[in-house]
Amino acid sequence: MASKIKVDQIEGAAGTTVSLPSGQTLDLSSGSVTLPATSVTNAQLAGSIDLTTKVTGTLPTSKGGTGLSSLGSASQIIQVNSGGSALEFAAAPSGKVLGHAVSESVARTTWSNPGENSGFSGNMSDFFYPNSSNCYFDVAYTKQSSSSRLFVTGHIVLKASSNTHDFAVFIVGDEANGRVLHLDEHNGVRQYLAHSFTVCFSGIGTGAKTIRATAGTGNTRSHSGTRGSGGDTTSHSDVSTNNGYTMVSVMEVEA
């Protein structure tokens, strides 16, 4: 037969702590427990408490919560509302960077009449460039999305024996959509090409791409030259003779 003890207080015989013997269970499921009004320490909660079904209400932001009582839709984010008074679910920003790649060099490379690559259609139908990796500069990138844009930036420094009168950036195999930038070394007094550039490609399918930046001309000619040259000659005392910097970088952006 079950017994019942009614008391107002229980006090430990040897101190202020009342311990439940090992193997025993104190069942409070039919009643409630009042904890200190100030705070509850880890010692007071030495066991575990199931919060999955026993907690009701919404924890406000002032107490470290979100003030939200449900999940938003898939891919939504949580942000502060326009009034700065609460958190809310919202659509994630549409623009994002999907990937990036860069090739760079501080080396000085030379080429000598390697032959020309030409005869393309579209934007590069009249463009000729030295077919040598010591002249042109590539960056490899695998495009992730068919609707994204590729932003290509870079810098080139070079001097060619027969002058360079133009500059182009294109995706190898898609020369018809190349970007001819009309950068002419004659734009500089000392007749060497030193330019930074930015171009954008859209409507490009996914997969591996090789993006090439190169100097050239609008007519065929024999080319020899040096990429990374500090100037047309070493006779200019106010021009650095250190190697110039070459870089091509691609960033894929989803609009």
Protein backbone atom coordinates (compact mmCIF):
# COMPACT_ATOMS: atom_id res chain seq x y z
CA MET A 1 0.00 0.00 0.00
CA ALA A 2 1.40 3.40 -1.02
CA SER A 3 2.08 5.87 1.77
CA LYS A 4 1.90 9.65 1.76
CA ILE A 5 4.01 12.22 3.66
CA LYS A 6 2.84 15.82 3.86
CA VAL A 7 5.46 18.44 4.80
CA ASP A 8 6.11 22.14 4.21
CA GLN A 9 9.91 21.81 4.18
CA ILE A 10 12.51 19.09 3.84
CA GLU A 11 15.90 19.78 5.39
CA GLY A 12 19.08 17.73 5.02
CA ALA A 13 20.35 16.20 8.23
CA ALA A 14 23.99 17.09 7.60
CA GLY A 15 23.66 20.34 5.73
CA THR A 16 21.57 22.23 3.20
CA THR A 17 21.47 19.57 0.52
CA VAL A 18 18.94 16.81 0.21
CA SER A 19 20.17 13.93 -1.96
CA LEU A 20 18.05 11.30 -3.66
CA PRO A 21 19.63 7.85 -3.14
CA SER A 22 21.14 6.14 -6.15
CA GLY A 23 18.62 4.11 -8.12
CA GLN A 24 15.67 6.13 -6.83
CA THR A 25 13.43 8.41 -8.92
CA LEU A 26 11.58 11.52 -7.80
CA ASP A 27 8.45 11.73 -9.95
CA LEU A 28 7.12 15.29 -10.26
CA SER A 29 5.04 14.69 -13.38
CA SER A 30 1.73 15.33 -11.60
CA GLY A 31 2.83 18.54 -9.92
CA SER A 32 5.24 21.42 -10.47
CA VAL A 33 8.60 22.64 -9.19
CA THR A 34 9.33 26.24 -8.27
CA LEU A 35 12.93 27.29 -8.98
CA PRO A 36 14.70 30.36 -7.52
CA ALA A 37 13.42 33.63 -8.95
CA THR A 38 16.91 35.01 -9.61
CA SER A 39 18.73 32.35 -11.60
CA VAL A 40 19.16 28.64 -12.00
CA THR A 41 22.70 27.26 -11.89
CA ASN A 42 24.13 24.16 -13.50
CA ALA A 43 24.35 22.61 -10.05
CA GLN A 44 20.62 23.05 -9.58
CA LEU A 45 20.05 21.39 -12.98
CA ALA A 46 22.62 18.62 -12.60
CA GLY A 47 20.51 16.25 -14.67
CA SER A 48 18.79 16.89 -17.99
CA ILE A 49 15.53 18.61 -18.82
CA ASP A 50 13.41 17.69 -21.84
CA LEU A 51 12.58 20.99 -23.56
CA THR A 52 11.12 19.46 -26.72
CA THR A 53 7.55 19.38 -25.46
CA LYS A 54 7.58 21.18 -22.12
CA VAL A 55 8.34 24.75 -23.23
CA THR A 56 5.62 27.06 -24.47
CA GLY A 57 5.64 30.65 -25.71
CA THR A 58 8.22 32.49 -27.81
CA LEU A 59 11.60 33.63 -26.48
CA PRO A 60 11.97 37.35 -27.32
CA THR A 61 15.13 38.89 -28.73
CA SER A 62 15.63 40.73 -25.44
CA LYS A 63 16.21 37.34 -23.81
CA GLY A 64 18.47 35.96 -26.53
CA GLY A 65 15.73 34.46 -28.71
CA THR A 66 14.45 35.30 -32.17
CA GLY A 67 10.89 36.33 -31.35
CA LEU A 68 9.80 33.93 -34.09
CA SER A 69 7.51 30.98 -33.47
CA SER A 70 7.82 29.13 -36.79
CA LEU A 71 10.19 28.40 -39.66
CA GLY A 72 10.14 30.43 -42.85
CA SER A 73 10.21 29.03 -46.36
CA ALA A 74 13.10 27.11 -47.87
CA SER A 75 16.21 29.26 -48.60
CA GLN A 76 14.86 32.28 -46.70
CA ILE A 77 17.09 34.21 -44.34
CA ILE A 78 16.43 35.97 -41.02
CA GLN A 79 16.92 39.72 -41.05
CA VAL A 80 16.02 42.77 -38.97
CA ASN A 81 12.80 44.38 -40.20
CA SER A 82 12.68 47.86 -41.73
CA GLY A 83 11.67 49.40 -38.43
CA GLY A 84 14.62 47.86 -36.59
CA SER A 85 12.23 46.41 -34.01
CA ALA A 86 12.14 42.66 -34.71
CA LEU A 87 13.52 39.79 -36.74
CA GLU A 88 11.71 38.51 -39.81
CA PHE A 89 12.07 35.97 -42.62
CA ALA A 90 12.99 37.32 -46.06
CA ALA A 91 14.17 36.12 -49.45
CA ALA A 92 17.93 35.74 -49.72
CA PRO A 93 19.71 38.36 -51.88
CA SER A 94 19.79 37.20 -55.48
CA GLY A 95 23.32 38.25 -56.37
CA LYS A 96 26.18 36.03 -55.24
CA VAL A 97 29.68 35.00 -56.26
CA LEU A 98 29.73 31.40 -57.49
CA GLY A 99 33.47 31.06 -57.94
CA HIS A 100 36.79 32.70 -58.68
CA ALA A 101 40.14 31.86 -60.26
CA VAL A 102 43.34 33.81 -60.87
CA SER A 103 46.61 33.42 -62.79
CA GLU A 104 49.49 35.77 -62.10
CA SER A 105 53.18 36.08 -62.83
CA VAL A 106 56.11 38.35 -62.09
CA ALA A 107 58.35 36.55 -64.59
CA ARG A 108 59.76 38.12 -67.74
CA THR A 109 59.07 35.93 -70.78
CA THR A 110 60.10 36.35 -74.41
CA TRP A 111 58.80 35.06 -77.71
CA SER A 112 60.25 35.13 -81.21
CA ASN A 113 58.02 34.82 -84.29
CA PRO A 114 55.93 31.90 -83.01
CA GLY A 115 53.28 32.28 -85.72
CA GLU A 116 49.92 33.97 -85.41
CA ASN A 117 46.47 32.82 -84.45
CA SER A 118 43.81 34.57 -86.52
CA GLY A 119 40.93 34.09 -88.89
CA PHE A 120 38.24 34.06 -86.21
CA SER A 121 34.69 35.21 -86.83
CA GLY A 122 32.59 37.83 -85.10
CA ASN A 123 34.28 40.32 -82.82
CA MET A 124 37.78 38.97 -83.54
CA SER A 125 37.52 38.49 -87.32
CA ASP A 126 40.36 40.97 -87.96
CA PHE A 127 42.52 40.26 -84.91
CA PHE A 128 46.00 38.65 -85.07
CA TYR A 129 48.04 37.72 -82.00
CA PRO A 130 51.35 35.90 -81.38
CA ASN A 131 50.44 32.26 -80.77
CA SER A 132 52.77 31.84 -77.81
CA SER A 133 52.01 31.45 -74.09
CA ASN A 134 55.00 33.71 -73.48
CA CYS A 135 52.87 36.48 -74.97
CA TYR A 136 49.27 35.66 -74.11
CA PHE A 137 48.10 34.80 -70.59
CA ASP A 138 45.40 32.30 -69.62
CA VAL A 139 43.23 31.54 -66.61
CA ALA A 140 41.23 28.30 -66.32
CA TYR A 141 37.80 28.25 -64.70
CA THR A 142 34.83 25.88 -64.55
CA LYS A 143 31.60 27.85 -64.97
CA GLN A 144 28.84 26.80 -62.57
CA SER A 145 25.65 28.41 -63.90
CA SER A 146 24.40 29.08 -67.42
CA SER A 147 22.69 32.31 -66.31
CA SER A 148 25.65 33.87 -64.51
CA ARG A 149 28.16 36.42 -65.78
CA LEU A 150 31.94 36.18 -65.90
CA PHE A 151 33.85 39.31 -64.91
CA VAL A 152 37.46 39.18 -66.07
CA THR A 153 40.04 41.63 -64.80
CA GLY A 154 43.77 41.79 -65.29
CA HIS A 155 46.95 43.68 -66.03
CA ILE A 156 49.51 43.28 -68.78
CA VAL A 157 52.96 44.77 -69.45
CA LEU A 158 54.82 43.92 -72.67
CA LYS A 159 56.93 45.23 -75.52
CA ALA A 160 56.87 43.78 -79.05
CA SER A 161 59.44 44.30 -81.81
CA SER A 162 56.86 45.28 -84.42
CA ASN A 163 54.54 47.11 -82.03
CA THR A 164 51.21 45.94 -80.64
CA HIS A 165 48.22 47.90 -81.80
CA ASP A 166 45.37 46.16 -80.04
CA PHE A 167 44.43 43.88 -77.17
CA ALA A 168 41.74 41.23 -76.75
CA VAL A 169 40.21 39.04 -74.04
CA PHE A 170 38.27 35.95 -75.13
CA ILE A 171 37.17 32.47 -74.17
CA VAL A 172 39.15 29.92 -76.16
CA GLY A 173 36.76 28.25 -78.60
CA ASP A 174 34.34 31.19 -78.49
CA GLU A 175 36.48 33.82 -80.18
CA ALA A 176 33.46 35.25 -82.03
CA ASN A 177 32.36 36.77 -78.72
CA GLY A 178 35.81 38.04 -77.76
CA ARG A 179 36.30 41.50 -76.31
CA VAL A 180 38.61 43.66 -78.43
CA LEU A 181 39.78 46.53 -76.20
CA HIS A 182 41.77 48.69 -78.68
CA LEU A 183 44.68 49.12 -76.29
CA ASP A 184 47.58 50.39 -78.41
CA GLU A 185 51.16 50.64 -77.16
CA HIS A 186 51.44 53.87 -79.13
CA ASN A 187 49.10 55.33 -76.52
CA GLY A 188 52.19 55.46 -74.32
CA VAL A 189 55.09 57.78 -75.14
CA ARG A 190 57.68 55.02 -74.69
CA GLN A 191 55.80 52.58 -76.92
CA TYR A 192 55.26 49.62 -74.65
CA LEU A 193 51.91 48.24 -73.55
CA ALA A 194 51.04 48.60 -69.87
CA HIS A 195 47.32 48.44 -69.16
CA SER A 196 44.74 47.10 -66.73
CA PHE A 197 41.40 45.87 -68.07
CA THR A 198 37.94 44.62 -67.10
CA VAL A 199 35.50 42.79 -69.37
CA CYS A 200 32.23 40.93 -68.87
CA PHE A 201 30.90 37.79 -70.56
CA SER A 202 27.25 36.70 -70.44
CA GLY A 203 25.27 33.95 -72.14
CA ILE A 204 28.11 31.48 -71.65
CA GLY A 205 27.29 27.84 -70.94
CA THR A 206 28.61 25.85 -68.00
CA GLY A 207 31.78 23.75 -67.92
CA ALA A 208 35.53 24.20 -68.18
CA LYS A 209 36.66 27.46 -69.81
CA THR A 210 40.03 28.89 -70.74
CA ILE A 211 40.02 32.68 -70.74
CA ARG A 212 42.85 34.29 -72.67
CA ALA A 213 44.20 37.84 -72.62
CA THR A 214 46.60 38.83 -75.37
CA ALA A 215 48.09 41.68 -77.34
CA GLY A 216 47.99 41.70 -81.12
CA THR A 217 47.20 43.78 -84.15
CA GLY A 218 44.56 44.20 -86.81
CA ASN A 219 46.83 42.90 -89.56
CA THR A 220 49.32 40.05 -89.94
CA ARG A 221 52.98 40.65 -89.05
CA SER A 222 55.95 38.91 -87.48
CA HIS A 223 56.05 39.37 -83.73
CA SER A 224 58.85 39.12 -81.23
CA GLY A 225 58.74 40.61 -77.80
CA THR A 226 58.92 40.44 -74.04
CA ARG A 227 56.10 40.17 -71.53
CA GLY A 228 56.81 41.63 -68.11
CA SER A 229 59.24 44.19 -69.48
CA GLY A 230 59.77 47.28 -67.37
CA GLY A 231 60.10 49.54 -70.41
CA ASP A 232 61.05 49.63 -74.06
CA THR A 233 64.77 49.90 -73.22
CA THR A 234 66.91 50.08 -70.09
CA SER A 235 68.14 53.57 -70.98
CA HIS A 236 65.37 55.36 -69.07
CA SER A 237 66.79 56.07 -65.65
CA ASP A 238 63.34 56.86 -64.23
CA VAL A 239 61.70 53.57 -65.32
CA SER A 240 62.01 50.50 -63.11
CA THR A 241 63.95 47.65 -64.69
CA ASN A 242 62.26 45.09 -62.42
CA ASN A 243 59.88 42.60 -63.99
CA GLY A 244 56.34 43.82 -64.59
CA TYR A 245 53.25 42.15 -63.16
CA THR A 246 50.91 40.04 -65.30
CA MET A 247 47.51 38.92 -63.98
CA VAL A 248 44.20 37.58 -65.26
CA SER A 249 41.36 36.96 -62.80
CA VAL A 250 37.84 35.65 -63.38
CA MET A 251 34.85 35.91 -61.03
CA GLU A 252 31.49 34.25 -61.70
CA VAL A 253 28.51 36.26 -60.45
CA GLU A 254 24.88 35.14 -60.38
CA ALA A 255 22.70 38.20 -61.00
